[in-house]
């Protein structure tokens, strides 16, 4: 089995959420942050043949990248066999015990009530993340004054810090005032267009419009609705 570029890019992204990963047999890969505040799923083209765990996902991806012409993966009871160089080289990469990895749960959060919904375009996402980085903003919020809906980069613990507002909608269809706050460091999505559904009870779902990715991200307790 070979992992395609799309799957490798997803795994690189997942390595920023959790350094380890628990693979499940089938066509879906999932990860969860150790703090359980980010959960991500992706449908992939390949079929994972068995359950196994990798302790250091970035290191495993580096092993695959050693083979410039691509690596063939085989699976036995204890190892992934990473083969390349026309079969002349075969690396035995050991599985890790499941107790050594924080694996994604089987159940997914349910947003019983969606209080805020919008499309988060790739351009908007890139702009917000760039401004948050330049301004040193540890928080991002979706907020409304009852009329205008905006994305804001700011510091929830420092009113005098730099901030940025970007208008999402000039007219709020709900007509409510709210400020739904995320940690900037939890915005781990692969760049793309996403539908965002937020429950004021504490969780948001980002669903890819042009990819098979979905991310669940918790809100901060400073959120107001």
N, C-alpha and C. Protein backbone atom coordinates (compact mmCIF):
# COMPACT_ATOMS: atom_id res chain seq x y z
N UNK A 1 0.84 -1.19 0.00
CA UNK A 1 0.00 0.00 0.00
C UNK A 1 0.87 1.24 0.00
N UNK A 2 0.47 2.21 -0.81
CA UNK A 2 1.14 3.50 -0.79
C UNK A 2 0.17 4.57 -0.29
N UNK A 3 0.70 5.52 0.49
CA UNK A 3 -0.10 6.65 0.93
C UNK A 3 0.05 7.77 -0.07
N UNK A 4 -1.08 8.26 -0.59
CA UNK A 4 -1.05 9.35 -1.55
C UNK A 4 -0.72 10.68 -0.91
N UNK A 5 -0.43 11.67 -1.75
CA UNK A 5 -0.02 12.99 -1.26
C UNK A 5 -1.10 13.61 -0.39
N UNK A 6 -2.36 13.44 -0.77
CA UNK A 6 -3.46 14.02 0.01
C UNK A 6 -3.47 13.45 1.42
N UNK A 7 -3.33 12.13 1.53
CA UNK A 7 -3.34 11.49 2.85
C UNK A 7 -2.11 11.89 3.66
N UNK A 8 -0.96 11.98 3.01
CA UNK A 8 0.26 12.40 3.71
C UNK A 8 0.11 13.82 4.25
N UNK A 9 -0.52 14.71 3.48
CA UNK A 9 -0.72 16.08 3.94
C UNK A 9 -1.67 16.12 5.14
N UNK A 10 -2.70 15.28 5.12
CA UNK A 10 -3.61 15.20 6.27
C UNK A 10 -2.86 14.71 7.50
N UNK A 11 -2.03 13.70 7.33
CA UNK A 11 -1.28 13.16 8.47
C UNK A 11 -0.29 14.20 9.01
N UNK A 12 0.32 14.98 8.14
CA UNK A 12 1.20 16.06 8.61
C UNK A 12 0.41 17.06 9.46
N UNK A 13 -0.80 17.36 9.02
CA UNK A 13 -1.67 18.25 9.78
C UNK A 13 -2.04 17.63 11.13
N UNK A 14 -2.39 16.35 11.11
CA UNK A 14 -2.79 15.66 12.34
C UNK A 14 -1.64 15.63 13.34
N UNK A 15 -0.40 15.59 12.85
CA UNK A 15 0.76 15.57 13.74
C UNK A 15 0.89 16.87 14.52
N UNK A 16 0.28 17.95 14.03
CA UNK A 16 0.29 19.21 14.78
C UNK A 16 -0.76 19.22 15.88
N UNK A 17 -1.70 18.29 15.83
CA UNK A 17 -2.75 18.18 16.84
C UNK A 17 -2.35 17.21 17.94
N UNK A 18 -1.74 16.10 17.55
CA UNK A 18 -1.31 15.07 18.49
C UNK A 18 -0.07 14.41 17.91
N UNK A 19 0.97 14.29 18.70
CA UNK A 19 2.23 13.71 18.18
C UNK A 19 2.09 12.23 17.85
N UNK A 20 1.14 11.55 18.48
CA UNK A 20 0.88 10.15 18.18
C UNK A 20 -0.47 9.98 17.50
N UNK A 21 -0.74 8.76 17.03
CA UNK A 21 -2.01 8.51 16.36
C UNK A 21 -2.38 7.04 16.49
N UNK A 22 -3.67 6.80 16.64
CA UNK A 22 -4.21 5.43 16.64
C UNK A 22 -4.97 5.23 15.35
N UNK A 23 -4.43 4.40 14.46
CA UNK A 23 -5.10 4.09 13.20
C UNK A 23 -6.14 3.00 13.44
N UNK A 24 -7.26 3.09 12.74
CA UNK A 24 -8.29 2.06 12.76
C UNK A 24 -8.43 1.49 11.35
N UNK A 25 -8.71 0.21 11.25
CA UNK A 25 -8.91 -0.40 9.93
C UNK A 25 -10.05 0.28 9.20
N UNK A 26 -9.83 0.58 7.93
CA UNK A 26 -10.87 1.21 7.13
C UNK A 26 -10.36 2.41 6.36
N UNK A 27 -11.27 3.29 5.97
CA UNK A 27 -10.95 4.41 5.08
C UNK A 27 -11.06 5.76 5.76
N UNK A 28 -10.96 5.76 7.09
CA UNK A 28 -11.03 7.02 7.83
C UNK A 28 -9.88 7.08 8.82
N UNK A 29 -9.27 8.27 8.95
CA UNK A 29 -8.26 8.50 9.97
C UNK A 29 -8.73 9.63 10.86
N UNK A 30 -8.40 9.52 12.14
CA UNK A 30 -8.87 10.48 13.14
C UNK A 30 -7.78 10.75 14.15
N UNK A 31 -7.86 11.93 14.77
CA UNK A 31 -6.95 12.24 15.86
C UNK A 31 -7.65 13.16 16.83
N UNK A 32 -7.11 13.23 18.04
CA UNK A 32 -7.63 14.12 19.08
C UNK A 32 -6.44 14.69 19.83
N UNK A 33 -6.55 15.94 20.23
CA UNK A 33 -5.46 16.54 20.98
C UNK A 33 -5.39 15.94 22.38
N UNK A 34 -4.23 15.91 23.01
CA UNK A 34 -4.13 15.36 24.36
C UNK A 34 -5.06 16.04 25.35
N UNK A 35 -5.37 17.33 25.12
CA UNK A 35 -6.28 18.05 26.01
C UNK A 35 -7.75 17.81 25.68
N UNK A 36 -8.01 17.05 24.62
CA UNK A 36 -9.36 16.71 24.15
C UNK A 36 -10.16 17.93 23.68
N UNK A 37 -9.47 18.99 23.28
CA UNK A 37 -10.19 20.19 22.82
C UNK A 37 -10.21 20.34 21.30
N UNK A 38 -9.55 19.43 20.59
CA UNK A 38 -9.58 19.39 19.13
C UNK A 38 -9.76 17.93 18.71
N UNK A 39 -10.71 17.69 17.84
CA UNK A 39 -10.95 16.35 17.30
C UNK A 39 -11.07 16.48 15.79
N UNK A 40 -10.34 15.67 15.04
CA UNK A 40 -10.32 15.79 13.58
C UNK A 40 -10.54 14.45 12.92
N UNK A 41 -11.29 14.47 11.81
CA UNK A 41 -11.57 13.27 11.01
C UNK A 41 -11.28 13.55 9.55
N UNK A 42 -10.86 12.52 8.83
CA UNK A 42 -10.66 12.65 7.38
C UNK A 42 -10.96 11.31 6.72
N UNK A 43 -11.70 11.35 5.63
CA UNK A 43 -11.87 10.18 4.78
C UNK A 43 -10.69 10.15 3.81
N UNK A 44 -10.14 8.96 3.59
CA UNK A 44 -8.97 8.84 2.72
C UNK A 44 -9.25 7.83 1.61
N UNK A 45 -8.43 7.90 0.56
CA UNK A 45 -8.61 7.01 -0.58
C UNK A 45 -8.10 5.60 -0.30
N UNK A 46 -7.11 5.50 0.59
CA UNK A 46 -6.51 4.21 0.90
C UNK A 46 -7.35 3.46 1.95
N UNK A 47 -7.11 2.17 2.05
CA UNK A 47 -7.76 1.35 3.07
C UNK A 47 -6.72 0.87 4.07
N UNK A 48 -6.84 1.32 5.32
CA UNK A 48 -5.94 0.86 6.37
C UNK A 48 -6.33 -0.58 6.72
N UNK A 49 -5.40 -1.54 6.66
CA UNK A 49 -5.79 -2.95 6.79
C UNK A 49 -5.99 -3.43 8.21
N UNK A 50 -5.49 -2.69 9.21
CA UNK A 50 -5.58 -3.18 10.58
C UNK A 50 -5.49 -2.02 11.56
N UNK A 51 -5.86 -2.26 12.80
CA UNK A 51 -5.67 -1.28 13.87
C UNK A 51 -4.21 -1.31 14.31
N UNK A 52 -3.64 -0.13 14.52
CA UNK A 52 -2.29 -0.03 15.08
C UNK A 52 -2.05 1.40 15.53
N UNK A 53 -1.02 1.58 16.34
CA UNK A 53 -0.70 2.91 16.87
C UNK A 53 0.73 3.29 16.55
N UNK A 54 0.92 4.59 16.30
CA UNK A 54 2.24 5.16 16.06
C UNK A 54 2.51 6.19 17.15
N UNK A 55 3.65 6.08 17.82
CA UNK A 55 3.96 6.98 18.93
C UNK A 55 4.38 8.37 18.45
N UNK A 56 5.19 8.43 17.38
CA UNK A 56 5.71 9.70 16.87
C UNK A 56 5.36 9.79 15.40
N UNK A 57 4.23 10.42 15.10
CA UNK A 57 3.73 10.47 13.73
C UNK A 57 4.67 11.25 12.82
N UNK A 58 5.23 12.35 13.29
CA UNK A 58 6.15 13.14 12.45
C UNK A 58 7.37 12.31 12.06
N UNK A 59 7.88 11.53 13.00
CA UNK A 59 9.03 10.68 12.71
C UNK A 59 8.66 9.62 11.68
N UNK A 60 7.48 9.03 11.82
CA UNK A 60 7.02 8.02 10.85
C UNK A 60 6.90 8.63 9.45
N UNK A 61 6.37 9.84 9.36
CA UNK A 61 6.27 10.50 8.05
C UNK A 61 7.65 10.82 7.48
N UNK A 62 8.60 11.13 8.36
CA UNK A 62 9.97 11.37 7.90
C UNK A 62 10.59 10.10 7.33
N UNK A 63 10.26 8.96 7.93
CA UNK A 63 10.75 7.68 7.40
C UNK A 63 10.19 7.44 6.01
N UNK A 64 8.91 7.68 5.82
CA UNK A 64 8.30 7.51 4.49
C UNK A 64 8.96 8.43 3.47
N UNK A 65 9.26 9.65 3.90
CA UNK A 65 9.82 10.65 2.96
C UNK A 65 11.26 10.33 2.56
N UNK A 66 11.91 9.38 3.26
CA UNK A 66 13.26 8.98 2.87
C UNK A 66 13.28 8.43 1.44
N UNK A 67 12.17 7.81 1.06
CA UNK A 67 12.11 7.16 -0.25
C UNK A 67 11.52 8.15 -1.26
N UNK A 68 12.38 8.76 -2.04
CA UNK A 68 11.96 9.83 -2.94
C UNK A 68 11.00 9.34 -4.01
N UNK A 69 11.07 8.08 -4.37
CA UNK A 69 10.18 7.52 -5.38
C UNK A 69 8.92 6.91 -4.77
N UNK A 70 8.72 7.15 -3.47
CA UNK A 70 7.56 6.60 -2.79
C UNK A 70 7.89 5.34 -2.03
N UNK A 71 7.09 5.07 -1.01
CA UNK A 71 7.33 3.91 -0.16
C UNK A 71 6.12 2.98 -0.18
N UNK A 72 6.39 1.70 -0.23
CA UNK A 72 5.35 0.69 -0.13
C UNK A 72 5.24 0.27 1.34
N UNK A 73 4.01 0.23 1.85
CA UNK A 73 3.79 -0.14 3.24
C UNK A 73 3.17 -1.52 3.32
N UNK A 74 3.76 -2.36 4.16
CA UNK A 74 3.21 -3.66 4.47
C UNK A 74 3.06 -3.75 5.98
N UNK A 75 2.17 -4.62 6.44
CA UNK A 75 1.85 -4.66 7.86
C UNK A 75 1.95 -6.10 8.38
N UNK A 76 2.72 -6.27 9.47
CA UNK A 76 2.69 -7.56 10.14
C UNK A 76 2.18 -7.36 11.56
N UNK A 77 2.38 -8.30 12.44
CA UNK A 77 1.81 -8.22 13.78
C UNK A 77 2.48 -7.18 14.67
N UNK A 78 3.72 -6.80 14.35
CA UNK A 78 4.47 -5.91 15.22
C UNK A 78 5.01 -4.67 14.52
N UNK A 79 5.04 -4.68 13.19
CA UNK A 79 5.73 -3.62 12.45
C UNK A 79 4.95 -3.18 11.22
N UNK A 80 5.24 -1.93 10.83
CA UNK A 80 4.96 -1.52 9.46
C UNK A 80 6.26 -1.70 8.70
N UNK A 81 6.22 -2.39 7.59
CA UNK A 81 7.40 -2.56 6.75
C UNK A 81 7.36 -1.49 5.68
N UNK A 82 8.32 -0.57 5.73
CA UNK A 82 8.39 0.55 4.80
C UNK A 82 9.47 0.21 3.77
N UNK A 83 9.04 -0.08 2.55
CA UNK A 83 9.97 -0.59 1.55
C UNK A 83 10.13 0.40 0.41
N UNK A 84 11.34 0.46 -0.14
CA UNK A 84 11.62 1.33 -1.27
C UNK A 84 12.89 0.93 -1.97
N UNK A 85 13.41 1.84 -2.83
CA UNK A 85 14.63 1.55 -3.60
C UNK A 85 14.46 0.25 -4.38
N UNK A 86 13.33 0.14 -5.06
CA UNK A 86 13.03 -1.06 -5.86
C UNK A 86 13.07 -2.33 -5.01
N UNK A 87 12.63 -2.18 -3.74
CA UNK A 87 12.57 -3.34 -2.86
C UNK A 87 13.87 -3.68 -2.16
N UNK A 88 14.95 -2.92 -2.43
CA UNK A 88 16.25 -3.25 -1.84
C UNK A 88 16.34 -2.83 -0.38
N UNK A 89 15.52 -1.85 0.03
CA UNK A 89 15.55 -1.39 1.42
C UNK A 89 14.18 -1.61 2.06
N UNK A 90 14.20 -2.13 3.28
CA UNK A 90 12.94 -2.36 3.99
C UNK A 90 13.14 -1.99 5.46
N UNK A 91 12.46 -0.93 5.88
CA UNK A 91 12.55 -0.46 7.26
C UNK A 91 11.42 -1.08 8.07
N UNK A 92 11.77 -1.65 9.21
CA UNK A 92 10.76 -2.18 10.12
C UNK A 92 10.46 -1.13 11.17
N UNK A 93 9.28 -0.55 11.09
CA UNK A 93 8.88 0.52 12.01
C UNK A 93 7.88 -0.06 13.00
N UNK A 94 8.27 -0.07 14.28
CA UNK A 94 7.49 -0.75 15.29
C UNK A 94 6.19 -0.01 15.64
N UNK A 95 5.12 -0.78 15.82
CA UNK A 95 3.92 -0.21 16.41
C UNK A 95 4.21 0.14 17.87
N UNK A 96 3.40 1.04 18.43
CA UNK A 96 3.47 1.30 19.86
C UNK A 96 2.20 0.78 20.52
N UNK A 97 2.29 0.53 21.82
CA UNK A 97 1.12 0.06 22.55
C UNK A 97 0.07 1.16 22.61
N UNK A 98 -1.19 0.79 22.55
CA UNK A 98 -2.28 1.77 22.54
C UNK A 98 -2.29 2.64 23.79
N UNK A 99 -1.73 2.13 24.90
CA UNK A 99 -1.68 2.90 26.14
C UNK A 99 -0.73 4.09 26.04
N UNK A 100 0.12 4.10 25.02
CA UNK A 100 1.10 5.17 24.84
C UNK A 100 0.59 6.31 23.97
N UNK A 101 -0.61 6.18 23.45
CA UNK A 101 -1.16 7.17 22.52
C UNK A 101 -2.56 7.58 22.97
N UNK A 102 -2.84 8.88 22.89
CA UNK A 102 -4.20 9.36 23.12
C UNK A 102 -4.94 9.23 21.80
N UNK A 103 -5.80 8.23 21.69
CA UNK A 103 -6.52 7.97 20.45
C UNK A 103 -7.86 8.67 20.41
N UNK A 104 -8.35 8.92 19.20
CA UNK A 104 -9.65 9.56 19.03
C UNK A 104 -10.76 8.65 19.53
N UNK A 105 -11.80 9.20 20.15
CA UNK A 105 -12.91 8.38 20.63
C UNK A 105 -13.75 7.86 19.47
N UNK A 106 -14.57 6.87 19.75
CA UNK A 106 -15.45 6.32 18.72
C UNK A 106 -16.64 7.24 18.43
N UNK A 107 -17.14 7.92 19.46
CA UNK A 107 -18.30 8.79 19.30
C UNK A 107 -17.86 10.21 18.96
N UNK A 108 -18.74 10.91 18.22
CA UNK A 108 -18.49 12.30 17.87
C UNK A 108 -19.46 13.22 18.61
N UNK A 109 -19.01 14.45 18.94
CA UNK A 109 -19.93 15.37 19.60
C UNK A 109 -21.14 15.66 18.71
N UNK A 110 -22.26 15.87 19.33
CA UNK A 110 -23.46 16.26 18.59
C UNK A 110 -23.81 17.69 18.94
N UNK A 111 -23.98 18.51 17.91
CA UNK A 111 -24.38 19.89 18.11
C UNK A 111 -25.92 19.92 18.11
N UNK A 112 -26.48 19.75 19.29
CA UNK A 112 -27.94 19.67 19.37
C UNK A 112 -28.60 20.99 18.95
N UNK A 113 -27.91 22.09 19.22
CA UNK A 113 -28.40 23.39 18.78
C UNK A 113 -27.26 24.13 18.10
N UNK A 114 -27.48 24.59 16.88
CA UNK A 114 -26.50 25.41 16.16
C UNK A 114 -26.95 26.86 16.29
N UNK A 115 -26.17 27.64 17.03
CA UNK A 115 -26.55 29.02 17.29
C UNK A 115 -25.98 29.99 16.26
N UNK A 116 -24.83 29.65 15.70
CA UNK A 116 -24.18 30.51 14.71
C UNK A 116 -23.64 29.62 13.60
N UNK A 117 -23.84 30.02 12.35
CA UNK A 117 -23.34 29.25 11.21
C UNK A 117 -22.87 30.22 10.13
N UNK A 118 -21.74 29.91 9.51
CA UNK A 118 -21.22 30.74 8.43
C UNK A 118 -20.20 29.94 7.63
N UNK A 119 -19.83 30.46 6.46
CA UNK A 119 -18.79 29.85 5.64
C UNK A 119 -17.49 30.59 5.90
N UNK A 120 -16.48 29.83 6.28
CA UNK A 120 -15.14 30.35 6.57
C UNK A 120 -14.28 30.06 5.35
N UNK A 121 -14.07 31.06 4.49
CA UNK A 121 -13.32 30.84 3.26
C UNK A 121 -11.83 30.71 3.54
N UNK A 122 -11.13 30.12 2.60
CA UNK A 122 -9.68 29.96 2.75
C UNK A 122 -8.99 31.30 2.87
N UNK A 123 -9.43 32.29 2.08
CA UNK A 123 -8.82 33.62 2.14
C UNK A 123 -9.03 34.26 3.51
N UNK A 124 -10.25 34.15 4.03
CA UNK A 124 -10.54 34.71 5.35
C UNK A 124 -9.74 34.00 6.43
N UNK A 125 -9.65 32.68 6.33
CA UNK A 125 -8.90 31.90 7.31
C UNK A 125 -7.43 32.32 7.30
N UNK A 126 -6.84 32.43 6.11
CA UNK A 126 -5.43 32.81 6.00
C UNK A 126 -5.20 34.20 6.57
N UNK A 127 -6.12 35.12 6.29
CA UNK A 127 -5.97 36.50 6.78
C UNK A 127 -6.04 36.55 8.29
N UNK A 128 -7.01 35.86 8.86
CA UNK A 128 -7.17 35.88 10.31
C UNK A 128 -5.96 35.26 11.01
N UNK A 129 -5.45 34.17 10.47
CA UNK A 129 -4.30 33.52 11.10
C UNK A 129 -3.04 34.37 10.96
N UNK A 130 -2.89 35.05 9.83
CA UNK A 130 -1.73 35.93 9.65
C UNK A 130 -1.79 37.11 10.61
N UNK A 131 -2.96 37.73 10.72
CA UNK A 131 -3.07 38.89 11.62
C UNK A 131 -2.90 38.46 13.07
N UNK A 132 -3.43 37.31 13.43
CA UNK A 132 -3.25 36.82 14.80
C UNK A 132 -1.77 36.59 15.10
N UNK A 133 -1.03 36.07 14.12
CA UNK A 133 0.40 35.83 14.31
C UNK A 133 1.17 37.14 14.44
N UNK A 134 0.90 38.08 13.54
CA UNK A 134 1.63 39.35 13.55
C UNK A 134 1.31 40.16 14.80
N UNK A 135 0.05 40.16 15.21
CA UNK A 135 -0.36 40.95 16.38
C UNK A 135 -0.12 40.21 17.70
N UNK A 136 0.24 38.94 17.61
CA UNK A 136 0.44 38.17 18.82
C UNK A 136 -0.85 37.90 19.57
N UNK A 137 -1.93 37.64 18.82
CA UNK A 137 -3.25 37.45 19.43
C UNK A 137 -3.47 35.99 19.82
N UNK A 138 -3.63 35.71 21.11
CA UNK A 138 -3.85 34.33 21.53
C UNK A 138 -5.28 33.85 21.36
N UNK A 139 -6.19 34.75 20.97
CA UNK A 139 -7.60 34.38 20.84
C UNK A 139 -8.20 34.88 19.54
N UNK A 140 -9.17 34.12 19.06
CA UNK A 140 -9.98 34.50 17.90
C UNK A 140 -11.44 34.34 18.31
N UNK A 141 -12.27 35.30 17.93
CA UNK A 141 -13.69 35.23 18.30
C UNK A 141 -14.57 35.50 17.10
N UNK A 142 -15.71 34.81 17.08
CA UNK A 142 -16.81 35.15 16.19
C UNK A 142 -17.76 35.99 17.03
N UNK A 143 -18.02 37.22 16.61
CA UNK A 143 -18.83 38.07 17.46
C UNK A 143 -19.82 38.91 16.65
N UNK A 144 -20.87 39.33 17.33
CA UNK A 144 -21.90 40.16 16.71
C UNK A 144 -22.40 41.17 17.73
N UNK A 145 -22.66 42.38 17.25
CA UNK A 145 -23.29 43.39 18.10
C UNK A 145 -24.80 43.42 17.89
N UNK A 146 -25.31 42.39 17.22
CA UNK A 146 -26.73 42.34 16.89
C UNK A 146 -27.00 42.76 15.46
N UNK A 147 -25.99 43.35 14.84
CA UNK A 147 -26.11 43.80 13.44
C UNK A 147 -25.01 43.21 12.57
N UNK A 148 -23.76 43.50 12.91
CA UNK A 148 -22.62 43.08 12.10
C UNK A 148 -21.93 41.88 12.75
N UNK A 149 -21.66 40.84 11.94
CA UNK A 149 -20.93 39.66 12.42
C UNK A 149 -19.47 39.80 11.99
N UNK A 150 -18.55 39.63 12.92
CA UNK A 150 -17.13 39.81 12.64
C UNK A 150 -16.30 38.67 13.20
N UNK A 151 -15.13 38.51 12.61
CA UNK A 151 -14.07 37.68 13.19
C UNK A 151 -13.06 38.63 13.81
N UNK A 152 -12.67 38.34 15.04
CA UNK A 152 -11.78 39.23 15.78
C UNK A 152 -10.58 38.46 16.29
N UNK A 153 -9.40 39.02 16.12
CA UNK A 153 -8.20 38.49 16.76
C UNK A 153 -7.87 39.42 17.92
N UNK A 154 -7.63 38.86 19.10
CA UNK A 154 -7.45 39.70 20.29
C UNK A 154 -6.83 38.87 21.41
N UNK A 155 -6.66 39.51 22.55
CA UNK A 155 -6.15 38.84 23.75
C UNK A 155 -7.24 38.94 24.82
N UNK A 156 -7.86 37.82 25.14
CA UNK A 156 -8.98 37.82 26.08
C UNK A 156 -8.57 38.26 27.48
N UNK A 157 -7.28 38.19 27.78
CA UNK A 157 -6.81 38.55 29.13
C UNK A 157 -6.19 39.94 29.19
N UNK A 158 -6.19 40.67 28.05
CA UNK A 158 -5.53 41.98 28.02
C UNK A 158 -6.30 42.93 27.09
N UNK A 159 -7.09 43.81 27.69
CA UNK A 159 -7.91 44.74 26.90
C UNK A 159 -7.08 45.76 26.13
N UNK A 160 -5.82 45.95 26.53
CA UNK A 160 -4.99 46.96 25.87
C UNK A 160 -4.14 46.38 24.73
N UNK A 161 -4.30 45.08 24.45
CA UNK A 161 -3.51 44.44 23.41
C UNK A 161 -4.04 44.81 22.02
N UNK A 162 -3.19 44.63 21.01
CA UNK A 162 -3.60 44.86 19.63
C UNK A 162 -4.73 43.91 19.26
N UNK A 163 -5.56 44.34 18.32
CA UNK A 163 -6.66 43.47 17.87
C UNK A 163 -6.99 43.79 16.42
N UNK A 164 -7.74 42.91 15.79
CA UNK A 164 -8.17 43.09 14.41
C UNK A 164 -9.59 42.59 14.26
N UNK A 165 -10.42 43.36 13.57
CA UNK A 165 -11.79 42.95 13.25
C UNK A 165 -11.95 42.81 11.74
N UNK A 166 -12.59 41.73 11.32
CA UNK A 166 -12.89 41.52 9.91
C UNK A 166 -14.37 41.17 9.78
N UNK A 167 -15.11 41.92 8.97
CA UNK A 167 -16.54 41.71 8.82
C UNK A 167 -16.81 40.43 8.04
N UNK A 168 -17.68 39.58 8.61
CA UNK A 168 -18.15 38.39 7.92
C UNK A 168 -19.48 38.64 7.23
N UNK A 169 -20.41 39.26 7.96
CA UNK A 169 -21.73 39.57 7.43
C UNK A 169 -22.12 40.96 7.90
N UNK A 170 -22.58 41.79 6.98
CA UNK A 170 -22.95 43.16 7.34
C UNK A 170 -24.29 43.23 8.06
N UNK A 171 -25.07 42.14 7.94
CA UNK A 171 -26.35 42.06 8.64
C UNK A 171 -26.43 40.69 9.31
N UNK A 172 -26.56 40.68 10.65
CA UNK A 172 -26.66 39.43 11.39
C UNK A 172 -28.08 38.89 11.25
N UNK A 173 -28.25 37.73 10.61
CA UNK A 173 -29.61 37.20 10.42
C UNK A 173 -30.29 36.85 11.74
N UNK A 174 -29.51 36.55 12.78
CA UNK A 174 -30.10 36.19 14.07
C UNK A 174 -30.45 37.42 14.90
N UNK A 175 -29.74 38.52 14.65
CA UNK A 175 -30.00 39.75 15.40
C UNK A 175 -29.64 39.65 16.87
N UNK A 176 -28.68 38.78 17.21
CA UNK A 176 -28.29 38.60 18.61
C UNK A 176 -26.87 39.10 18.83
N UNK A 177 -26.58 39.45 20.06
CA UNK A 177 -25.23 39.84 20.43
C UNK A 177 -24.52 38.64 21.06
N UNK A 178 -23.28 38.40 20.66
CA UNK A 178 -22.53 37.28 21.21
C UNK A 178 -21.04 37.48 20.94
N UNK A 179 -20.24 36.74 21.65
CA UNK A 179 -18.79 36.69 21.44
C UNK A 179 -18.33 35.27 21.77
N UNK A 180 -18.07 34.50 20.74
CA UNK A 180 -17.72 33.09 20.88
C UNK A 180 -16.22 32.94 20.63
N UNK A 181 -15.51 32.55 21.67
CA UNK A 181 -14.05 32.70 21.71
C UNK A 181 -13.34 31.34 21.55
N UNK A 182 -12.30 31.34 20.72
CA UNK A 182 -11.42 30.19 20.54
C UNK A 182 -9.99 30.58 20.92
N UNK A 183 -9.18 29.58 21.26
CA UNK A 183 -7.75 29.79 21.32
C UNK A 183 -7.19 29.75 19.91
N UNK A 184 -6.35 30.71 19.57
CA UNK A 184 -5.74 30.73 18.24
C UNK A 184 -4.97 29.44 17.97
N UNK A 185 -4.30 28.93 18.99
CA UNK A 185 -3.48 27.72 18.81
C UNK A 185 -4.31 26.48 18.49
N UNK A 186 -5.62 26.56 18.71
CA UNK A 186 -6.49 25.42 18.41
C UNK A 186 -7.03 25.43 16.98
N UNK A 187 -6.73 26.47 16.23
CA UNK A 187 -7.21 26.56 14.85
C UNK A 187 -6.22 25.84 13.94
N UNK A 188 -6.28 24.53 13.95
CA UNK A 188 -5.30 23.67 13.28
C UNK A 188 -5.73 23.23 11.89
N UNK A 189 -6.78 23.80 11.34
CA UNK A 189 -7.33 23.29 10.09
C UNK A 189 -6.35 23.42 8.93
N UNK A 190 -6.39 22.45 8.04
CA UNK A 190 -5.72 22.60 6.74
C UNK A 190 -6.43 23.73 5.99
N UNK A 191 -5.69 24.66 5.38
CA UNK A 191 -6.34 25.76 4.67
C UNK A 191 -7.35 25.25 3.64
N UNK A 192 -8.50 25.90 3.60
CA UNK A 192 -9.57 25.52 2.69
C UNK A 192 -10.83 26.26 3.07
N UNK A 193 -11.91 25.96 2.40
CA UNK A 193 -13.21 26.54 2.70
C UNK A 193 -13.97 25.60 3.64
N UNK A 194 -14.54 26.16 4.70
CA UNK A 194 -15.25 25.35 5.69
C UNK A 194 -16.61 25.95 6.02
N UNK A 195 -17.58 25.09 6.23
CA UNK A 195 -18.81 25.50 6.90
C UNK A 195 -18.57 25.39 8.39
N UNK A 196 -18.88 26.47 9.12
CA UNK A 196 -18.67 26.48 10.56
C UNK A 196 -20.03 26.52 11.26
N UNK A 197 -20.27 25.55 12.11
CA UNK A 197 -21.48 25.50 12.94
C UNK A 197 -21.05 25.56 14.39
N UNK A 198 -21.59 26.52 15.13
CA UNK A 198 -21.18 26.74 16.51
C UNK A 198 -22.38 26.60 17.44
N UNK A 199 -22.18 25.81 18.47
CA UNK A 199 -23.16 25.74 19.56
C UNK A 199 -22.63 26.56 20.72
N UNK A 200 -23.45 27.48 21.22
CA UNK A 200 -23.04 28.31 22.34
C UNK A 200 -22.79 27.48 23.60
N UNK A 201 -23.18 26.21 23.58
CA UNK A 201 -22.94 25.34 24.72
C UNK A 201 -21.49 24.88 24.80
N UNK A 202 -20.67 25.27 23.79
CA UNK A 202 -19.25 25.06 23.99
C UNK A 202 -18.46 24.36 22.92
N UNK A 203 -19.03 24.18 21.72
CA UNK A 203 -18.27 23.45 20.70
C UNK A 203 -18.64 23.94 19.31
N UNK A 204 -17.68 23.84 18.41
CA UNK A 204 -17.88 24.23 17.01
C UNK A 204 -17.42 23.10 16.11
N UNK A 205 -18.06 22.98 14.95
CA UNK A 205 -17.66 22.00 13.94
C UNK A 205 -17.30 22.72 12.66
N UNK A 206 -16.11 22.44 12.14
CA UNK A 206 -15.62 22.97 10.87
C UNK A 206 -15.67 21.82 9.86
N UNK A 207 -16.50 21.96 8.83
CA UNK A 207 -16.67 20.90 7.83
C UNK A 207 -16.14 21.38 6.49
N UNK A 208 -15.18 20.67 5.93
CA UNK A 208 -14.57 21.07 4.67
C UNK A 208 -15.55 21.03 3.51
N UNK A 209 -15.54 22.08 2.70
CA UNK A 209 -16.39 22.13 1.51
C UNK A 209 -15.70 21.53 0.30
N UNK A 210 -14.37 21.52 0.29
CA UNK A 210 -13.64 20.99 -0.87
C UNK A 210 -12.71 19.86 -0.46
N UNK A 211 -12.84 19.37 0.77
CA UNK A 211 -12.05 18.23 1.21
C UNK A 211 -12.92 17.38 2.15
N UNK A 212 -12.40 16.28 2.59
CA UNK A 212 -13.17 15.34 3.41
C UNK A 212 -12.89 15.52 4.89
N UNK A 213 -12.42 16.69 5.27
CA UNK A 213 -11.99 16.94 6.64
C UNK A 213 -13.11 17.54 7.49
N UNK A 214 -13.09 17.20 8.76
CA UNK A 214 -13.93 17.89 9.73
C UNK A 214 -13.16 18.01 11.03
N UNK A 215 -13.36 19.14 11.70
CA UNK A 215 -12.70 19.41 12.97
C UNK A 215 -13.74 19.87 13.98
N UNK A 216 -13.67 19.31 15.19
CA UNK A 216 -14.45 19.80 16.32
C UNK A 216 -13.49 20.56 17.24
N UNK A 217 -13.87 21.78 17.61
CA UNK A 217 -13.02 22.61 18.45
C UNK A 217 -13.86 23.19 19.58
N UNK A 218 -13.36 23.12 20.81
CA UNK A 218 -14.10 23.64 21.95
C UNK A 218 -13.97 25.16 22.03
N UNK A 219 -15.01 25.79 22.56
CA UNK A 219 -14.98 27.22 22.85
C UNK A 219 -14.33 27.47 24.22
N UNK A 220 -13.85 28.68 24.40
CA UNK A 220 -13.31 29.08 25.69
C UNK A 220 -14.44 29.49 26.63
N UNK A 221 -14.18 29.35 27.93
CA UNK A 221 -15.22 29.67 28.92
C UNK A 221 -15.56 31.14 28.96
N UNK A 222 -14.72 31.99 28.37
CA UNK A 222 -15.00 33.43 28.32
C UNK A 222 -16.03 33.78 27.25
N UNK A 223 -16.49 32.80 26.48
CA UNK A 223 -17.48 33.06 25.45
C UNK A 223 -18.79 33.55 26.06
N UNK A 224 -19.48 34.40 25.30
CA UNK A 224 -20.77 34.95 25.75
C UNK A 224 -21.78 34.82 24.64
N UNK A 225 -23.01 34.44 25.01
CA UNK A 225 -24.08 34.33 24.02
C UNK A 225 -25.41 34.72 24.68
